[in-house]
Amino acid sequence: MIVKFAVSGGDKTLNQVYKEMIHNHRCKENYDRIYNNFIKDILGYKCIKDLTSNDIDYFYMYLTNRTYNGHLYSQSYIRKIMNLLKNIFDYGIKNKYINTNLVKIKLYFTKTY
C-alpha cells in the first residue's frame, strides 16, 4: 500500500520540519547525529508532502544493507533511526504540515523492522 500524504501547511522539506522539531529538544545532539548521518541526505531534501511508503521502504532497505567497519547495523539501531523518522512525521501531523490519517502512519511504522 502506498501512503500519500496530503499537506495543509505548505511545502516544507523533511529537513525544515526536523530543524523546527529539534530546535529546543533536550536530546538534540543525539538526534542530530542520527539525522545527519542517515536521514538528511536520503530523505531530507524531499518535500514532506511528497514522501510515500515507497520512499520509506527504500530508506529502510538502505539501512539494512549499510555497514560500519564491515558489520551490518543492528536491528535496535535501525529501529532507533526509524523511530526518529516517525517522530518527525508525528511532529508534522501535530503542526498541520501533514494532514493525514494517523492510523496509516502508525501501522506503517509498527511493521517488524
N, C-alpha and C. Protein backbone atom coordinates (compact mmCIF):
# COMPACT_ATOMS: atom_id res chain seq x y z
N MET A 1 0.84 -1.18 0.00
CA MET A 1 0.00 0.00 0.00
C MET A 1 0.89 1.24 0.00
N ILE A 2 0.58 2.19 -0.84
CA ILE A 2 1.32 3.45 -0.88
C ILE A 2 0.60 4.46 -0.01
N VAL A 3 1.33 5.07 0.89
CA VAL A 3 0.76 6.10 1.75
C VAL A 3 1.15 7.44 1.15
N LYS A 4 0.19 8.19 0.70
CA LYS A 4 0.46 9.51 0.13
C LYS A 4 -0.05 10.53 1.12
N PHE A 5 0.79 11.49 1.49
CA PHE A 5 0.43 12.48 2.49
C PHE A 5 -0.16 13.71 1.82
N ALA A 6 -1.27 14.18 2.34
CA ALA A 6 -1.84 15.45 1.88
C ALA A 6 -1.43 16.52 2.87
N VAL A 7 -0.91 17.61 2.38
CA VAL A 7 -0.38 18.64 3.27
C VAL A 7 -1.23 19.88 3.24
N SER A 8 -1.45 20.42 4.43
CA SER A 8 -2.18 21.68 4.51
C SER A 8 -1.26 22.81 4.94
N GLY A 9 -0.03 22.51 5.29
CA GLY A 9 0.87 23.50 5.86
C GLY A 9 2.00 23.94 4.96
N GLY A 10 1.85 23.89 3.66
CA GLY A 10 2.90 24.38 2.79
C GLY A 10 3.83 23.29 2.29
N ASP A 11 4.94 23.72 1.74
CA ASP A 11 5.87 22.81 1.08
C ASP A 11 7.18 22.66 1.85
N LYS A 12 7.09 22.38 3.13
CA LYS A 12 8.31 22.22 3.94
C LYS A 12 8.99 20.90 3.61
N THR A 13 10.31 20.95 3.57
CA THR A 13 11.06 19.71 3.38
C THR A 13 11.17 19.00 4.72
N LEU A 14 11.57 17.75 4.66
CA LEU A 14 11.78 16.99 5.89
C LEU A 14 12.84 17.67 6.75
N ASN A 15 13.89 18.21 6.12
CA ASN A 15 14.93 18.93 6.87
C ASN A 15 14.35 20.11 7.64
N GLN A 16 13.47 20.88 7.01
CA GLN A 16 12.89 22.05 7.67
C GLN A 16 12.02 21.64 8.85
N VAL A 17 11.23 20.59 8.68
CA VAL A 17 10.38 20.12 9.76
C VAL A 17 11.24 19.58 10.90
N TYR A 18 12.31 18.86 10.57
CA TYR A 18 13.21 18.33 11.60
C TYR A 18 13.84 19.47 12.40
N LYS A 19 14.36 20.48 11.72
CA LYS A 19 15.02 21.60 12.41
C LYS A 19 14.06 22.31 13.35
N GLU A 20 12.82 22.45 12.92
CA GLU A 20 11.81 23.08 13.77
C GLU A 20 11.51 22.20 14.98
N MET A 21 11.40 20.90 14.76
CA MET A 21 11.07 19.97 15.83
C MET A 21 12.18 19.92 16.88
N ILE A 22 13.42 19.93 16.45
CA ILE A 22 14.56 19.68 17.34
C ILE A 22 15.09 20.95 17.99
N HIS A 23 14.59 22.09 17.59
CA HIS A 23 15.13 23.40 17.99
C HIS A 23 15.52 23.47 19.46
N ASN A 24 14.63 23.14 20.38
CA ASN A 24 14.93 23.22 21.81
C ASN A 24 14.84 21.86 22.51
N HIS A 25 15.05 20.80 21.77
CA HIS A 25 14.90 19.45 22.33
C HIS A 25 16.07 19.11 23.24
N ARG A 26 15.80 18.39 24.32
CA ARG A 26 16.85 18.05 25.28
C ARG A 26 17.84 17.02 24.74
N CYS A 27 17.45 16.23 23.76
CA CYS A 27 18.35 15.22 23.18
C CYS A 27 18.87 15.65 21.81
N LYS A 28 18.99 16.94 21.60
CA LYS A 28 19.34 17.48 20.29
C LYS A 28 20.62 16.86 19.70
N GLU A 29 21.67 16.73 20.49
CA GLU A 29 22.94 16.21 19.97
C GLU A 29 22.80 14.77 19.47
N ASN A 30 22.10 13.94 20.24
CA ASN A 30 21.91 12.55 19.82
C ASN A 30 21.08 12.47 18.55
N TYR A 31 19.99 13.22 18.51
CA TYR A 31 19.14 13.22 17.32
C TYR A 31 19.87 13.79 16.11
N ASP A 32 20.64 14.85 16.32
CA ASP A 32 21.39 15.44 15.21
C ASP A 32 22.37 14.44 14.60
N ARG A 33 23.03 13.66 15.44
CA ARG A 33 23.99 12.67 14.95
C ARG A 33 23.27 11.63 14.07
N ILE A 34 22.16 11.13 14.56
CA ILE A 34 21.40 10.14 13.79
C ILE A 34 20.85 10.77 12.51
N TYR A 35 20.25 11.95 12.64
CA TYR A 35 19.62 12.59 11.48
C TYR A 35 20.66 12.91 10.41
N ASN A 36 21.75 13.54 10.81
CA ASN A 36 22.76 13.97 9.83
C ASN A 36 23.48 12.80 9.18
N ASN A 37 23.65 11.69 9.89
CA ASN A 37 24.35 10.54 9.33
C ASN A 37 23.48 9.65 8.45
N PHE A 38 22.17 9.68 8.65
CA PHE A 38 21.33 8.72 7.93
C PHE A 38 20.19 9.36 7.14
N ILE A 39 19.39 10.17 7.77
CA ILE A 39 18.14 10.63 7.16
C ILE A 39 18.35 11.81 6.22
N LYS A 40 19.19 12.74 6.60
CA LYS A 40 19.32 14.02 5.89
C LYS A 40 19.57 13.87 4.39
N ASP A 41 20.57 13.10 4.01
CA ASP A 41 20.94 13.01 2.60
C ASP A 41 20.00 12.15 1.77
N ILE A 42 19.31 11.23 2.39
CA ILE A 42 18.42 10.33 1.64
C ILE A 42 17.03 10.93 1.47
N LEU A 43 16.43 11.39 2.57
CA LEU A 43 15.05 11.87 2.54
C LEU A 43 14.90 13.36 2.84
N GLY A 44 15.92 13.96 3.42
CA GLY A 44 15.80 15.30 3.97
C GLY A 44 15.42 16.40 3.02
N TYR A 45 15.81 16.28 1.77
CA TYR A 45 15.54 17.37 0.83
C TYR A 45 14.22 17.20 0.09
N LYS A 46 13.51 16.13 0.38
CA LYS A 46 12.20 15.92 -0.23
C LYS A 46 11.14 16.70 0.52
N CYS A 47 10.19 17.21 -0.21
CA CYS A 47 9.05 17.88 0.42
C CYS A 47 8.28 16.83 1.22
N ILE A 48 7.96 17.16 2.45
CA ILE A 48 7.33 16.17 3.33
C ILE A 48 6.01 15.67 2.76
N LYS A 49 5.32 16.50 1.99
CA LYS A 49 4.04 16.07 1.43
C LYS A 49 4.21 15.07 0.29
N ASP A 50 5.41 14.99 -0.28
CA ASP A 50 5.64 14.10 -1.41
C ASP A 50 6.23 12.75 -1.02
N LEU A 51 6.52 12.57 0.25
CA LEU A 51 7.08 11.28 0.69
C LEU A 51 6.00 10.20 0.67
N THR A 52 6.37 9.03 0.22
CA THR A 52 5.44 7.90 0.18
C THR A 52 6.04 6.73 0.95
N SER A 53 5.25 5.70 1.10
CA SER A 53 5.77 4.50 1.77
C SER A 53 6.89 3.86 0.96
N ASN A 54 6.89 4.05 -0.36
CA ASN A 54 8.00 3.54 -1.18
C ASN A 54 9.32 4.20 -0.78
N ASP A 55 9.27 5.51 -0.51
CA ASP A 55 10.48 6.21 -0.05
C ASP A 55 10.97 5.62 1.27
N ILE A 56 10.03 5.34 2.17
CA ILE A 56 10.39 4.80 3.48
C ILE A 56 10.94 3.38 3.33
N ASP A 57 10.34 2.59 2.46
CA ASP A 57 10.85 1.23 2.20
C ASP A 57 12.27 1.28 1.64
N TYR A 58 12.50 2.17 0.69
CA TYR A 58 13.83 2.33 0.11
C TYR A 58 14.83 2.71 1.20
N PHE A 59 14.44 3.64 2.05
CA PHE A 59 15.31 4.10 3.13
C PHE A 59 15.63 2.94 4.09
N TYR A 60 14.62 2.16 4.43
CA TYR A 60 14.83 1.02 5.32
C TYR A 60 15.79 0.00 4.69
N MET A 61 15.60 -0.28 3.41
CA MET A 61 16.48 -1.23 2.72
C MET A 61 17.92 -0.69 2.68
N TYR A 62 18.06 0.61 2.49
CA TYR A 62 19.38 1.24 2.52
C TYR A 62 20.04 1.00 3.88
N LEU A 63 19.28 1.17 4.96
CA LEU A 63 19.83 0.99 6.30
C LEU A 63 20.23 -0.46 6.56
N THR A 64 19.42 -1.40 6.10
CA THR A 64 19.70 -2.82 6.39
C THR A 64 20.91 -3.33 5.61
N ASN A 65 21.27 -2.64 4.54
CA ASN A 65 22.42 -3.07 3.74
C ASN A 65 23.68 -2.25 3.99
N ARG A 66 23.58 -1.25 4.83
CA ARG A 66 24.72 -0.38 5.11
C ARG A 66 25.59 -1.01 6.21
N THR A 67 26.90 -0.86 6.07
CA THR A 67 27.81 -1.44 7.06
C THR A 67 28.64 -0.36 7.74
N TYR A 68 29.11 -0.71 8.92
CA TYR A 68 30.02 0.13 9.67
C TYR A 68 31.17 -0.76 10.13
N ASN A 69 32.37 -0.48 9.66
CA ASN A 69 33.54 -1.32 9.94
C ASN A 69 33.29 -2.79 9.56
N GLY A 70 32.62 -2.98 8.44
CA GLY A 70 32.39 -4.33 7.95
C GLY A 70 31.21 -5.07 8.56
N HIS A 71 30.49 -4.44 9.48
CA HIS A 71 29.35 -5.09 10.13
C HIS A 71 28.06 -4.35 9.79
N LEU A 72 27.01 -5.12 9.58
CA LEU A 72 25.69 -4.51 9.35
C LEU A 72 25.21 -3.85 10.64
N TYR A 73 24.40 -2.82 10.48
CA TYR A 73 23.83 -2.17 11.66
C TYR A 73 22.85 -3.11 12.36
N SER A 74 22.80 -3.02 13.68
CA SER A 74 21.89 -3.88 14.44
C SER A 74 20.45 -3.43 14.24
N GLN A 75 19.52 -4.36 14.44
CA GLN A 75 18.10 -4.03 14.31
C GLN A 75 17.69 -2.97 15.32
N SER A 76 18.27 -2.99 16.50
CA SER A 76 17.90 -1.99 17.51
C SER A 76 18.35 -0.60 17.08
N TYR A 77 19.50 -0.50 16.42
CA TYR A 77 19.96 0.81 15.95
C TYR A 77 19.10 1.29 14.78
N ILE A 78 18.75 0.38 13.89
CA ILE A 78 17.87 0.74 12.78
C ILE A 78 16.51 1.18 13.31
N ARG A 79 16.01 0.48 14.35
CA ARG A 79 14.74 0.87 14.97
C ARG A 79 14.82 2.29 15.53
N LYS A 80 15.96 2.64 16.11
CA LYS A 80 16.16 3.98 16.66
C LYS A 80 16.08 5.04 15.55
N ILE A 81 16.69 4.74 14.41
CA ILE A 81 16.66 5.66 13.27
C ILE A 81 15.23 5.80 12.75
N MET A 82 14.54 4.67 12.58
CA MET A 82 13.16 4.70 12.08
C MET A 82 12.24 5.41 13.07
N ASN A 83 12.50 5.27 14.35
CA ASN A 83 11.69 5.94 15.36
C ASN A 83 11.85 7.46 15.27
N LEU A 84 13.08 7.93 15.01
CA LEU A 84 13.28 9.36 14.82
C LEU A 84 12.49 9.85 13.62
N LEU A 85 12.50 9.07 12.54
CA LEU A 85 11.73 9.43 11.36
C LEU A 85 10.24 9.50 11.69
N LYS A 86 9.75 8.54 12.46
CA LYS A 86 8.35 8.56 12.88
C LYS A 86 8.05 9.79 13.72
N ASN A 87 8.97 10.18 14.61
CA ASN A 87 8.77 11.37 15.43
C ASN A 87 8.67 12.63 14.57
N ILE A 88 9.44 12.69 13.50
CA ILE A 88 9.35 13.85 12.59
C ILE A 88 7.98 13.89 11.94
N PHE A 89 7.48 12.73 11.50
CA PHE A 89 6.14 12.69 10.91
C PHE A 89 5.07 13.07 11.93
N ASP A 90 5.20 12.56 13.15
CA ASP A 90 4.23 12.91 14.20
C ASP A 90 4.24 14.41 14.46
N TYR A 91 5.42 15.01 14.48
CA TYR A 91 5.53 16.46 14.67
C TYR A 91 4.86 17.20 13.51
N GLY A 92 5.07 16.70 12.30
CA GLY A 92 4.44 17.31 11.13
C GLY A 92 2.93 17.23 11.19
N ILE A 93 2.40 16.12 11.68
CA ILE A 93 0.95 15.97 11.81
C ILE A 93 0.43 16.91 12.88
N LYS A 94 1.12 16.96 14.01
CA LYS A 94 0.70 17.82 15.12
C LYS A 94 0.65 19.29 14.72
N ASN A 95 1.58 19.71 13.88
CA ASN A 95 1.66 21.11 13.47
C ASN A 95 1.00 21.38 12.13
N LYS A 96 0.19 20.42 11.67
CA LYS A 96 -0.61 20.58 10.46
C LYS A 96 0.22 20.71 9.18
N TYR A 97 1.47 20.21 9.18
CA TYR A 97 2.24 20.16 7.94
C TYR A 97 1.80 18.95 7.13
N ILE A 98 1.28 17.96 7.84
CA ILE A 98 0.75 16.76 7.20
C ILE A 98 -0.67 16.60 7.71
N ASN A 99 -1.60 16.50 6.82
CA ASN A 99 -2.99 16.29 7.19
C ASN A 99 -3.38 14.92 6.66
N THR A 100 -3.28 13.93 7.50
CA THR A 100 -3.49 12.57 7.02
C THR A 100 -4.10 11.71 8.11
N ASN A 101 -4.35 10.48 7.77
CA ASN A 101 -4.89 9.53 8.72
C ASN A 101 -3.73 8.96 9.54
N LEU A 102 -3.69 9.32 10.80
CA LEU A 102 -2.59 8.92 11.68
C LEU A 102 -2.46 7.41 11.79
N VAL A 103 -3.57 6.71 11.67
CA VAL A 103 -3.55 5.25 11.81
C VAL A 103 -2.66 4.62 10.73
N LYS A 104 -2.72 5.14 9.51
CA LYS A 104 -1.90 4.59 8.43
C LYS A 104 -0.42 4.70 8.77
N ILE A 105 -0.02 5.85 9.26
CA ILE A 105 1.39 6.04 9.60
C ILE A 105 1.78 5.15 10.76
N LYS A 106 0.94 5.06 11.78
CA LYS A 106 1.27 4.22 12.93
C LYS A 106 1.36 2.75 12.51
N LEU A 107 0.45 2.30 11.66
CA LEU A 107 0.52 0.93 11.18
C LEU A 107 1.79 0.72 10.38
N TYR A 108 2.12 1.68 9.57
CA TYR A 108 3.28 1.55 8.72
C TYR A 108 4.56 1.44 9.54
N PHE A 109 4.69 2.28 10.54
CA PHE A 109 5.92 2.29 11.33
C PHE A 109 5.96 1.21 12.39
N THR A 110 4.88 0.48 12.58
CA THR A 110 4.93 -0.61 13.54
C THR A 110 5.19 -1.95 12.86
N LYS A 111 5.52 -1.94 11.57
CA LYS A 111 5.95 -3.17 10.91
C LYS A 111 7.16 -3.71 11.65
N THR A 112 7.40 -4.98 11.54
CA THR A 112 8.54 -5.57 12.24
C THR A 112 9.80 -5.26 11.47
N TYR A 113 10.40 -4.16 11.79
CA TYR A 113 11.66 -3.80 11.12
C TYR A 113 12.81 -4.42 11.86
